[in-house]
Amino acid sequence: MKHLKVRLTVMNFLEFAVWGAYLTCMGNYLVKAGMGTEIAWFYALQGIVSIFMPTLMGIVGDKWVQPQRLLGLCHLGAGLAMIALCYMGYSASAAGTNPNEAAFIAVYTVSVAFYMPTLALANTTAFTILKDNGYDTVKDFPPIRVFGTVGFIATMWFVNCATLDNGTFSLTLAPSEGKFQYTYMQFLVSGVLGVILFLYCLTLPQCKLVSKPKQSLAQTLGLDAFKLFKRRKMALFFIFSMLLGMSLQVTNGFATPFITSFKGSTDPAIANSFGANNATMLVSLSQVAEALCILLIPFFLKRYGIKTVMLIAMFAWVLRFGFFGLGNPAFPGVILFILSCIVYGVAFDFFNVSGGLFVDKECDASVRASGQGLFMLMTNGLGATIGTLAAGKIVNHYCHYNEGGYLVGDWSSAWFIFAAFALVVAIAFMLLFKYKHNGQQA
């Protein structure tokens, strides 16, 4: 079908643009809206719903609703909930109060519960359409997927620069409290894009449902993959996946409130620096690095093997946190922030991709898909949830809100604690996980 890959590229662009509008800057708004102490819970909720919602929606997509239609319906639900969050924020602001915390969290939970399954559904939709039209998914999907990261970065930049002051819209890098990265308008951007993607999914080619052999409830839910824990190597891998997963959402939740807190510095050079006033754009360098580091993975896997690549990722997390603890947004300290964003690409990509390949190589075909699901459960589900909540406790212990509404305090100690944890995990993995690289394969 003519222009099919272009259409799937647009789908992936919108898929991640929806997420990029708020994922890294939501903490800034929560601080302003009096919910800064609950930042960890907002990010942990993504992990909690990731434990069961993707599986449930996957079952629906396999049996009753075509994946591309279910993808659109999920985005409609998530988008409408995001628009509702914007309205709640607007109403509270107009009344000179903060949003009702319980109601705000409830609506946010609905949104992420619908959104998180779309990450898998978007892949399923793309793979099915490509295969149905004779394309090679290994060759043709990666260039399509890269535009998902481009979409994520694009909306990060937009909410960083988009400003609404006294009813006037503008794009600026200059300091302004009306920037979407600080306000409820970031949720409106996400919600509108979600509704647009819902409409777009209605135009995609059909992904016909395929009859599959009858499965037990355990097989349907992917629970049979837990038998992989009987093998010591696999058990260690999944345990370390969970431990490393504890680092995944820490900087998503706290990087922008941390960098923005420098606006409250008594040093004008720091308070008025580009980084302090454009935290979302600065953090977007992490996603740029993520897109570029994907290109390095084949070389490193062939040269050094899966274990070494995963170990590199673990030590990269040590640097990711350590550089944040040492830097500041003014020159030359901002160089350390930039380095932190660069190593994020290695930290995120090297483990997620090599880990997925490890599961694919070590699992029998009968549980391969379930094994991938278990890998995601341990990293993005249990690990990310536990890690984010623990990080929230640490940040709330060392930091507090000043009169300007900035989350200030001993951030360095918090980042160094996160770095120390990552270092312990890396050293333990190096000593305990045995996996020989033969030089011929990953």
Protein backbone atom coordinates (compact mmCIF):
# COMPACT_ATOMS: atom_id res chain seq x y z
CA MET A 1 0.00 0.00 0.00
CA LYS A 2 1.37 3.35 -1.06
CA HIS A 3 2.70 5.59 1.72
CA LEU A 4 1.94 2.89 4.32
CA LYS A 5 5.21 3.40 6.18
CA VAL A 6 4.62 7.14 6.22
CA ARG A 7 1.22 6.57 7.83
CA LEU A 8 2.73 4.31 10.49
CA THR A 9 5.45 6.90 11.07
CA VAL A 10 2.77 9.52 11.79
CA MET A 11 1.07 7.07 14.16
CA ASN A 12 4.31 6.52 16.11
CA PHE A 13 5.06 10.24 16.15
CA LEU A 14 1.67 10.97 17.75
CA GLU A 15 1.89 7.93 20.08
CA PHE A 16 4.89 9.36 21.89
CA ALA A 17 4.06 13.03 21.38
CA VAL A 18 1.06 12.40 23.66
CA TRP A 19 3.43 11.22 26.40
CA GLY A 20 6.16 13.79 25.88
CA ALA A 21 3.76 16.66 26.52
CA TYR A 22 3.70 15.96 30.26
CA LEU A 23 5.91 13.05 31.32
CA THR A 24 9.08 15.00 32.15
CA CYS A 25 7.53 18.34 33.13
CA MET A 26 4.46 17.23 35.12
CA GLY A 27 6.46 17.54 38.33
CA ASN A 28 6.82 21.29 37.73
CA TYR A 29 3.05 21.73 37.62
CA LEU A 30 2.47 19.47 40.62
CA VAL A 31 4.84 21.63 42.67
CA LYS A 32 2.95 24.79 41.66
CA ALA A 33 -0.41 23.11 42.35
CA GLY A 34 0.49 22.10 45.91
CA MET A 35 1.01 18.42 45.12
CA GLY A 36 4.81 18.38 45.00
CA THR A 37 5.10 15.87 47.82
CA GLU A 38 3.03 13.42 45.76
CA ILE A 39 5.22 13.54 42.61
CA ALA A 40 6.47 10.02 43.31
CA TRP A 41 2.92 8.65 43.43
CA PHE A 42 2.01 10.20 40.09
CA TYR A 43 4.92 8.43 38.41
CA ALA A 44 4.49 5.25 40.41
CA LEU A 45 0.92 4.99 39.13
CA GLN A 46 2.32 4.45 35.64
CA GLY A 47 4.17 1.43 36.95
CA ILE A 48 1.18 0.14 38.90
CA VAL A 49 -1.19 0.20 35.93
CA SER A 50 1.58 -1.32 33.76
CA ILE A 51 1.39 -4.45 35.91
CA PHE A 52 -2.05 -5.42 34.62
CA MET A 53 -3.55 -3.03 32.05
CA PRO A 54 -1.32 -3.93 29.04
CA THR A 55 -2.10 -7.63 29.60
CA LEU A 56 -5.84 -7.04 29.85
CA MET A 57 -5.92 -4.81 26.77
CA GLY A 58 -3.73 -7.31 24.94
CA ILE A 59 -6.33 -10.00 25.55
CA VAL A 60 -9.07 -7.70 24.25
CA GLY A 61 -6.95 -6.88 21.20
CA ASP A 62 -6.30 -10.57 20.52
CA LYS A 63 -9.91 -11.73 20.80
CA TRP A 64 -12.50 -9.02 20.31
CA VAL A 65 -11.29 -5.65 19.01
CA GLN A 66 -8.83 -5.07 16.18
CA PRO A 67 -5.55 -3.63 17.57
CA GLN A 68 -5.66 -0.37 15.59
CA ARG A 69 -9.22 0.32 16.77
CA LEU A 70 -8.39 -0.55 20.38
CA LEU A 71 -5.32 1.70 20.13
CA GLY A 72 -7.58 4.58 19.08
CA LEU A 73 -10.17 3.90 21.78
CA CYS A 74 -7.50 3.81 24.49
CA HIS A 75 -6.13 7.13 23.29
CA LEU A 76 -9.62 8.59 23.33
CA GLY A 77 -10.07 7.56 26.96
CA ALA A 78 -6.61 8.81 27.95
CA GLY A 79 -7.02 12.04 25.99
CA LEU A 80 -10.40 12.93 27.48
CA ALA A 81 -9.02 12.30 30.97
CA MET A 82 -6.07 14.60 30.22
CA ILE A 83 -8.43 17.33 29.02
CA ALA A 84 -10.37 16.85 32.26
CA LEU A 85 -7.13 17.38 34.22
CA CYS A 86 -6.56 20.62 32.34
CA TYR A 87 -10.09 21.77 33.20
CA MET A 88 -9.61 20.88 36.88
CA GLY A 89 -6.37 22.85 36.93
CA TYR A 90 -7.96 25.81 35.16
CA SER A 91 -10.98 25.87 37.48
CA ALA A 92 -8.82 25.74 40.58
CA SER A 93 -6.53 28.47 39.26
CA ALA A 94 -9.49 30.73 38.42
CA ALA A 95 -10.78 30.25 41.96
CA GLY A 96 -7.35 30.99 43.45
CA THR A 97 -7.03 27.49 44.97
CA ASN A 98 -5.32 24.22 44.23
CA PRO A 99 -7.10 21.27 42.55
CA ASN A 100 -8.73 18.66 44.77
CA GLU A 101 -5.85 16.24 45.20
CA ALA A 102 -7.86 13.01 45.44
CA ALA A 103 -9.98 13.83 42.39
CA PHE A 104 -6.94 14.95 40.41
CA ILE A 105 -5.07 11.73 41.16
CA ALA A 106 -8.15 9.64 40.30
CA VAL A 107 -8.57 11.27 36.87
CA TYR A 108 -4.84 11.01 36.20
CA THR A 109 -4.97 7.30 37.05
CA VAL A 110 -7.73 6.81 34.48
CA SER A 111 -5.61 8.55 31.86
CA VAL A 112 -2.46 6.48 32.38
CA ALA A 113 -4.50 3.29 32.73
CA PHE A 114 -5.71 3.86 29.17
CA TYR A 115 -2.40 5.18 27.85
CA MET A 116 0.12 2.60 29.07
CA PRO A 117 -1.41 -0.30 27.05
CA THR A 118 -1.04 1.77 23.87
CA LEU A 119 2.75 1.35 23.96
CA ALA A 120 2.31 -2.34 23.17
CA LEU A 121 -0.77 -1.85 20.99
CA ALA A 122 1.09 0.63 18.77
CA ASN A 123 3.81 -1.98 18.18
CA THR A 124 1.23 -4.69 17.52
CA THR A 125 -0.59 -2.47 15.04
CA ALA A 126 2.59 -1.52 13.19
CA PHE A 127 3.92 -5.10 13.07
CA THR A 128 0.61 -6.49 11.84
CA ILE A 129 0.13 -3.89 9.11
CA LEU A 130 3.72 -4.22 7.92
CA LYS A 131 3.54 -8.02 7.78
CA ASP A 132 0.15 -8.00 6.07
CA ASN A 133 1.62 -5.82 3.33
CA GLY A 134 4.80 -7.81 2.79
CA TYR A 135 7.27 -5.63 4.69
CA ASP A 136 10.20 -6.89 6.79
CA THR A 137 9.57 -5.73 10.38
CA VAL A 138 13.24 -6.08 11.37
CA LYS A 139 14.31 -3.78 8.55
CA ASP A 140 11.32 -1.45 8.20
CA PHE A 141 10.09 -0.92 11.78
CA PRO A 142 13.15 0.73 13.46
CA PRO A 143 13.09 3.84 11.18
CA ILE A 144 9.35 4.14 11.92
CA ARG A 145 9.89 3.77 15.67
CA VAL A 146 12.61 6.44 15.77
CA PHE A 147 9.96 9.02 14.87
CA GLY A 148 8.19 8.12 18.10
CA THR A 149 11.17 9.54 19.98
CA VAL A 150 11.10 12.54 17.63
CA GLY A 151 7.45 13.09 18.56
CA PHE A 152 8.30 12.87 22.26
CA ILE A 153 11.03 15.48 21.86
CA ALA A 154 8.82 17.75 19.72
CA THR A 155 6.13 18.10 22.38
CA MET A 156 8.75 18.50 25.12
CA TRP A 157 10.12 21.48 23.20
CA PHE A 158 6.65 22.83 22.52
CA VAL A 159 5.49 22.83 26.16
CA ASN A 160 8.88 24.24 27.16
CA CYS A 161 8.46 27.25 24.85
CA ALA A 162 4.65 27.66 24.62
CA THR A 163 3.46 30.49 26.87
CA LEU A 164 0.05 31.83 27.77
CA ASP A 165 0.27 35.16 29.57
CA ASN A 166 -2.87 37.29 30.03
CA GLY A 167 -4.62 35.33 27.30
CA THR A 168 -1.83 35.88 24.77
CA PHE A 169 -0.10 32.83 23.27
CA SER A 170 3.56 32.95 22.29
CA LEU A 171 6.65 30.79 21.95
CA THR A 172 9.67 31.92 23.95
CA LEU A 173 12.83 30.71 25.65
CA ALA A 174 12.81 33.71 27.99
CA PRO A 175 11.82 33.26 31.65
CA SER A 176 8.03 33.14 32.09
CA GLU A 177 5.75 31.54 34.66
CA GLY A 178 3.11 31.15 31.94
CA LYS A 179 5.06 28.46 30.11
CA PHE A 180 3.08 25.26 29.62
CA GLN A 181 5.84 23.29 31.37
CA TYR A 182 4.71 24.92 34.63
CA THR A 183 0.94 24.89 34.07
CA TYR A 184 -2.08 22.65 33.47
CA MET A 185 -1.87 23.49 29.75
CA GLN A 186 0.58 20.61 29.26
CA PHE A 187 -2.34 18.23 29.92
CA LEU A 188 -4.43 19.96 27.28
CA VAL A 189 -1.66 19.47 24.70
CA SER A 190 -1.50 15.76 25.55
CA GLY A 191 -5.29 15.38 25.54
CA VAL A 192 -5.81 17.09 22.19
CA LEU A 193 -3.07 14.99 20.59
CA GLY A 194 -4.68 11.85 22.05
CA VAL A 195 -8.05 12.68 20.49
CA ILE A 196 -6.33 13.43 17.17
CA LEU A 197 -4.60 10.04 17.31
CA PHE A 198 -7.97 8.37 18.03
CA LEU A 199 -9.37 9.88 14.84
CA TYR A 200 -6.22 8.98 12.92
CA CYS A 201 -6.43 5.33 14.02
CA LEU A 202 -9.88 5.11 12.42
CA THR A 203 -8.18 5.63 9.04
CA LEU A 204 -5.52 2.91 9.45
CA PRO A 205 -5.74 -0.40 7.56
CA GLN A 206 -7.55 -3.21 9.37
CA CYS A 207 -5.61 -5.69 11.50
CA LYS A 208 -7.80 -8.75 11.18
CA LEU A 209 -8.24 -10.89 14.27
CA VAL A 210 -6.59 -14.31 14.00
CA SER A 211 -8.02 -17.42 15.62
CA LYS A 212 -5.55 -18.90 18.11
CA PRO A 213 -5.37 -22.28 19.87
CA LYS A 214 -7.28 -22.45 23.13
CA GLN A 215 -5.11 -21.44 26.07
CA SER A 216 -5.37 -21.81 29.81
CA LEU A 217 -6.04 -18.74 31.94
CA ALA A 218 -2.40 -18.80 33.10
CA GLN A 219 -1.17 -18.86 29.51
CA THR A 220 -3.56 -16.10 28.48
CA LEU A 221 -2.37 -13.84 31.30
CA GLY A 222 1.27 -14.72 30.65
CA LEU A 223 1.64 -16.27 34.10
CA ASP A 224 3.31 -19.38 32.69
CA ALA A 225 6.43 -17.25 32.16
CA PHE A 226 7.04 -17.28 35.92
CA LYS A 227 8.31 -20.85 35.57
CA LEU A 228 11.44 -19.22 34.11
CA PHE A 229 12.40 -18.40 37.70
CA LYS A 230 13.28 -22.08 38.15
CA ARG A 231 16.43 -21.42 36.12
CA ARG A 232 19.08 -19.62 38.19
CA LYS A 233 20.32 -17.51 35.28
CA MET A 234 16.82 -16.32 34.38
CA ALA A 235 15.88 -15.70 38.01
CA LEU A 236 18.95 -13.53 38.50
CA PHE A 237 18.25 -11.68 35.27
CA PHE A 238 14.66 -10.83 36.25
CA ILE A 239 15.70 -9.83 39.78
CA PHE A 240 18.33 -7.47 38.42
CA SER A 241 15.80 -6.21 35.86
CA MET A 242 13.58 -5.17 38.74
CA LEU A 243 16.48 -3.56 40.63
CA LEU A 244 17.59 -1.61 37.57
CA GLY A 245 13.97 -0.74 36.82
CA MET A 246 13.94 1.13 40.12
CA SER A 247 16.03 3.81 38.39
CA LEU A 248 13.81 4.22 35.31
CA GLN A 249 11.29 6.83 36.45
CA VAL A 250 13.45 8.71 38.98
CA THR A 251 14.71 11.38 36.58
CA ASN A 252 11.39 11.53 34.69
CA GLY A 253 9.73 12.52 37.94
CA PHE A 254 12.35 14.70 39.59
CA ALA A 255 14.77 16.06 36.96
CA THR A 256 12.68 19.06 35.91
CA PRO A 257 11.61 20.10 39.45
CA PHE A 258 15.28 19.78 40.43
CA ILE A 259 16.59 21.92 37.56
CA THR A 260 13.72 24.41 37.90
CA SER A 261 14.48 24.79 41.62
CA PHE A 262 17.62 26.74 40.65
CA LYS A 263 15.31 29.60 39.63
CA GLY A 264 15.06 30.24 43.38
CA SER A 265 18.85 30.61 43.72
CA THR A 266 20.22 33.82 45.23
CA ASP A 267 22.89 33.80 42.50
CA PRO A 268 21.42 35.69 39.47
CA ALA A 269 23.73 33.83 37.08
CA ILE A 270 22.11 30.55 38.14
CA ALA A 271 18.54 31.80 38.65
CA ASN A 272 18.42 33.46 35.22
CA SER A 273 20.35 30.74 33.36
CA PHE A 274 18.92 29.15 30.23
CA GLY A 275 18.81 25.71 31.89
CA ALA A 276 16.92 26.79 35.00
CA ASN A 277 14.23 28.46 32.89
CA ASN A 278 14.06 25.79 30.18
CA ALA A 279 14.37 22.59 32.18
CA THR A 280 12.10 20.58 29.89
CA MET A 281 14.17 21.45 26.82
CA LEU A 282 17.40 20.66 28.66
CA VAL A 283 16.08 17.28 29.78
CA SER A 284 14.96 16.56 26.20
CA LEU A 285 18.64 15.99 25.38
CA SER A 286 18.11 12.65 27.14
CA GLN A 287 15.61 11.61 24.48
CA VAL A 288 17.91 12.85 21.70
CA ALA A 289 20.69 10.68 23.14
CA GLU A 290 18.24 7.78 23.44
CA ALA A 291 17.46 7.95 19.72
CA LEU A 292 21.14 8.11 18.75
CA CYS A 293 22.30 5.35 21.11
CA ILE A 294 19.98 2.85 19.46
CA LEU A 295 22.37 2.99 16.50
CA LEU A 296 25.32 1.92 18.70
CA ILE A 297 23.69 -1.20 20.10
CA PRO A 298 24.42 -3.65 17.22
CA PHE A 299 28.16 -2.83 17.34
CA PHE A 300 28.42 -3.17 21.14
CA LEU A 301 26.40 -6.40 21.22
CA LYS A 302 28.53 -8.03 18.54
CA ARG A 303 31.81 -6.81 20.04
CA TYR A 304 31.18 -7.24 23.76
CA GLY A 305 28.08 -9.39 24.25
CA ILE A 306 24.82 -9.02 26.16
CA LYS A 307 26.21 -9.10 29.72
CA THR A 308 28.79 -6.37 29.08
CA VAL A 309 26.23 -4.18 27.32
CA MET A 310 23.81 -4.54 30.24
CA LEU A 311 26.66 -3.77 32.65
CA ILE A 312 27.55 -0.64 30.68
CA ALA A 313 23.92 0.45 31.08
CA MET A 314 24.08 -0.03 34.85
CA PHE A 315 27.22 2.05 35.25
CA ALA A 316 25.66 4.67 32.98
CA TRP A 317 22.88 5.06 35.57
CA VAL A 318 25.58 5.79 38.18
CA LEU A 319 26.86 8.62 35.96
CA ARG A 320 23.32 9.81 35.15
CA PHE A 321 22.58 10.44 38.84
CA GLY A 322 26.11 11.48 39.82
CA PHE A 323 26.34 14.23 37.20
CA PHE A 324 23.03 15.68 38.42
CA GLY A 325 24.40 15.71 41.97
CA LEU A 326 27.54 17.60 40.91
CA GLY A 327 26.18 20.09 38.36
CA ASN A 328 24.08 23.23 38.15
CA PRO A 329 22.33 24.98 35.22
CA ALA A 330 24.89 27.80 34.88
CA PHE A 331 28.13 27.43 32.92
CA PRO A 332 30.31 25.41 33.50
CA GLY A 333 28.09 23.31 35.81
CA VAL A 334 25.54 22.86 33.03
CA ILE A 335 28.10 20.72 31.18
CA LEU A 336 27.55 18.03 33.81
CA PHE A 337 23.79 18.24 33.24
CA ILE A 338 24.37 17.79 29.51
CA LEU A 339 26.63 14.80 30.18
CA SER A 340 23.93 13.33 32.42
CA CYS A 341 21.46 13.60 29.55
CA ILE A 342 23.91 12.02 27.10
CA VAL A 343 24.62 8.97 29.26
CA TYR A 344 20.86 8.49 29.74
CA GLY A 345 20.71 7.20 26.17
CA VAL A 346 23.17 4.45 27.08
CA ALA A 347 21.53 3.78 30.46
CA PHE A 348 18.04 3.37 29.00
CA ASP A 349 18.66 1.80 25.58
CA PHE A 350 21.49 -0.60 26.33
CA PHE A 351 19.61 -2.47 29.06
CA ASN A 352 16.13 -2.42 27.54
CA VAL A 353 17.23 -3.60 24.11
CA SER A 354 19.88 -6.09 25.23
CA GLY A 355 17.57 -7.37 27.96
CA GLY A 356 14.84 -8.01 25.41
CA LEU A 357 17.33 -9.85 23.20
CA PHE A 358 18.50 -11.94 26.16
CA VAL A 359 14.94 -13.03 26.88
CA ASP A 360 14.41 -13.84 23.22
CA LYS A 361 17.57 -16.00 23.12
CA GLU A 362 17.06 -17.81 26.41
CA CYS A 363 13.32 -18.53 26.33
CA ASP A 364 11.62 -21.39 24.59
CA ALA A 365 9.31 -20.27 21.78
CA SER A 366 6.26 -21.36 23.81
CA VAL A 367 6.93 -18.74 26.50
CA ARG A 368 8.92 -16.17 24.53
CA ALA A 369 6.13 -13.60 24.34
CA SER A 370 5.24 -14.17 28.00
CA GLY A 371 8.91 -13.84 28.90
CA GLN A 372 9.03 -10.43 27.24
CA GLY A 373 5.94 -9.46 29.19
CA LEU A 374 7.59 -10.61 32.42
CA PHE A 375 10.67 -8.54 31.57
CA MET A 376 8.47 -5.47 31.16
CA LEU A 377 6.60 -6.31 34.37
CA MET A 378 9.80 -6.51 36.40
CA THR A 379 11.33 -3.32 34.95
CA ASN A 380 8.49 -0.92 34.10
CA GLY A 381 6.00 -2.41 36.55
CA LEU A 382 7.41 -3.56 39.88
CA GLY A 383 10.86 -1.98 39.59
CA ALA A 384 9.72 1.44 38.42
CA THR A 385 6.93 1.58 41.01
CA ILE A 386 9.10 0.62 43.98
CA GLY A 387 11.97 2.83 42.83
CA THR A 388 9.83 5.90 42.24
CA LEU A 389 8.13 5.67 45.63
CA ALA A 390 11.47 5.14 47.38
CA ALA A 391 12.98 8.09 45.48
CA GLY A 392 10.03 10.25 46.54
CA LYS A 393 10.72 9.45 50.19
CA ILE A 394 14.37 10.41 49.78
CA VAL A 395 13.64 13.66 47.93
CA ASN A 396 10.96 14.68 50.45
CA HIS A 397 13.44 13.99 53.25
CA TYR A 398 16.21 16.18 51.85
CA CYS A 399 14.16 18.88 50.10
CA HIS A 400 11.38 21.34 50.99
CA TYR A 401 9.38 24.13 49.40
CA ASN A 402 10.55 27.71 49.75
CA GLU A 403 8.40 30.82 49.57
CA GLY A 404 8.71 30.92 45.78
CA GLY A 405 7.20 27.45 45.48
CA TYR A 406 10.45 25.79 44.40
CA LEU A 407 11.49 22.38 45.69
CA VAL A 408 14.87 23.28 47.21
CA GLY A 409 17.25 21.65 49.63
CA ASP A 410 20.04 19.09 49.62
CA TRP A 411 19.40 17.69 46.16
CA SER A 412 23.01 16.53 45.85
CA SER A 413 22.63 14.02 48.68
CA ALA A 414 19.49 12.60 47.04
CA TRP A 415 21.22 12.17 43.67
CA PHE A 416 24.29 10.61 45.28
CA ILE A 417 22.08 8.10 47.11
CA PHE A 418 20.49 7.14 43.79
CA ALA A 419 23.98 6.84 42.23
CA ALA A 420 25.22 4.67 45.09
CA PHE A 421 22.25 2.34 44.69
CA ALA A 422 22.91 1.99 40.95
CA LEU A 423 26.59 1.30 41.67
CA VAL A 424 25.79 -1.49 44.14
CA VAL A 425 23.40 -3.08 41.63
CA ALA A 426 26.04 -2.89 38.87
CA ILE A 427 28.76 -4.47 41.00
CA ALA A 428 26.43 -7.24 42.21
CA PHE A 429 25.35 -7.95 38.63
CA MET A 430 28.96 -8.11 37.49
CA LEU A 431 29.82 -10.65 40.21
CA LEU A 432 26.70 -12.81 40.27
CA PHE A 433 25.36 -12.94 36.71
CA LYS A 434 27.28 -15.42 34.56
CA TYR A 435 26.89 -15.20 30.79
CA LYS A 436 29.69 -16.04 28.36
CA HIS A 437 30.10 -14.15 25.10
CA ASN A 438 31.50 -16.36 22.32
CA GLY A 439 32.26 -13.53 19.89
CA GLN A 440 29.91 -14.91 17.25
CA GLN A 441 26.64 -13.81 18.76
CA ALA A 442 25.34 -11.41 21.36
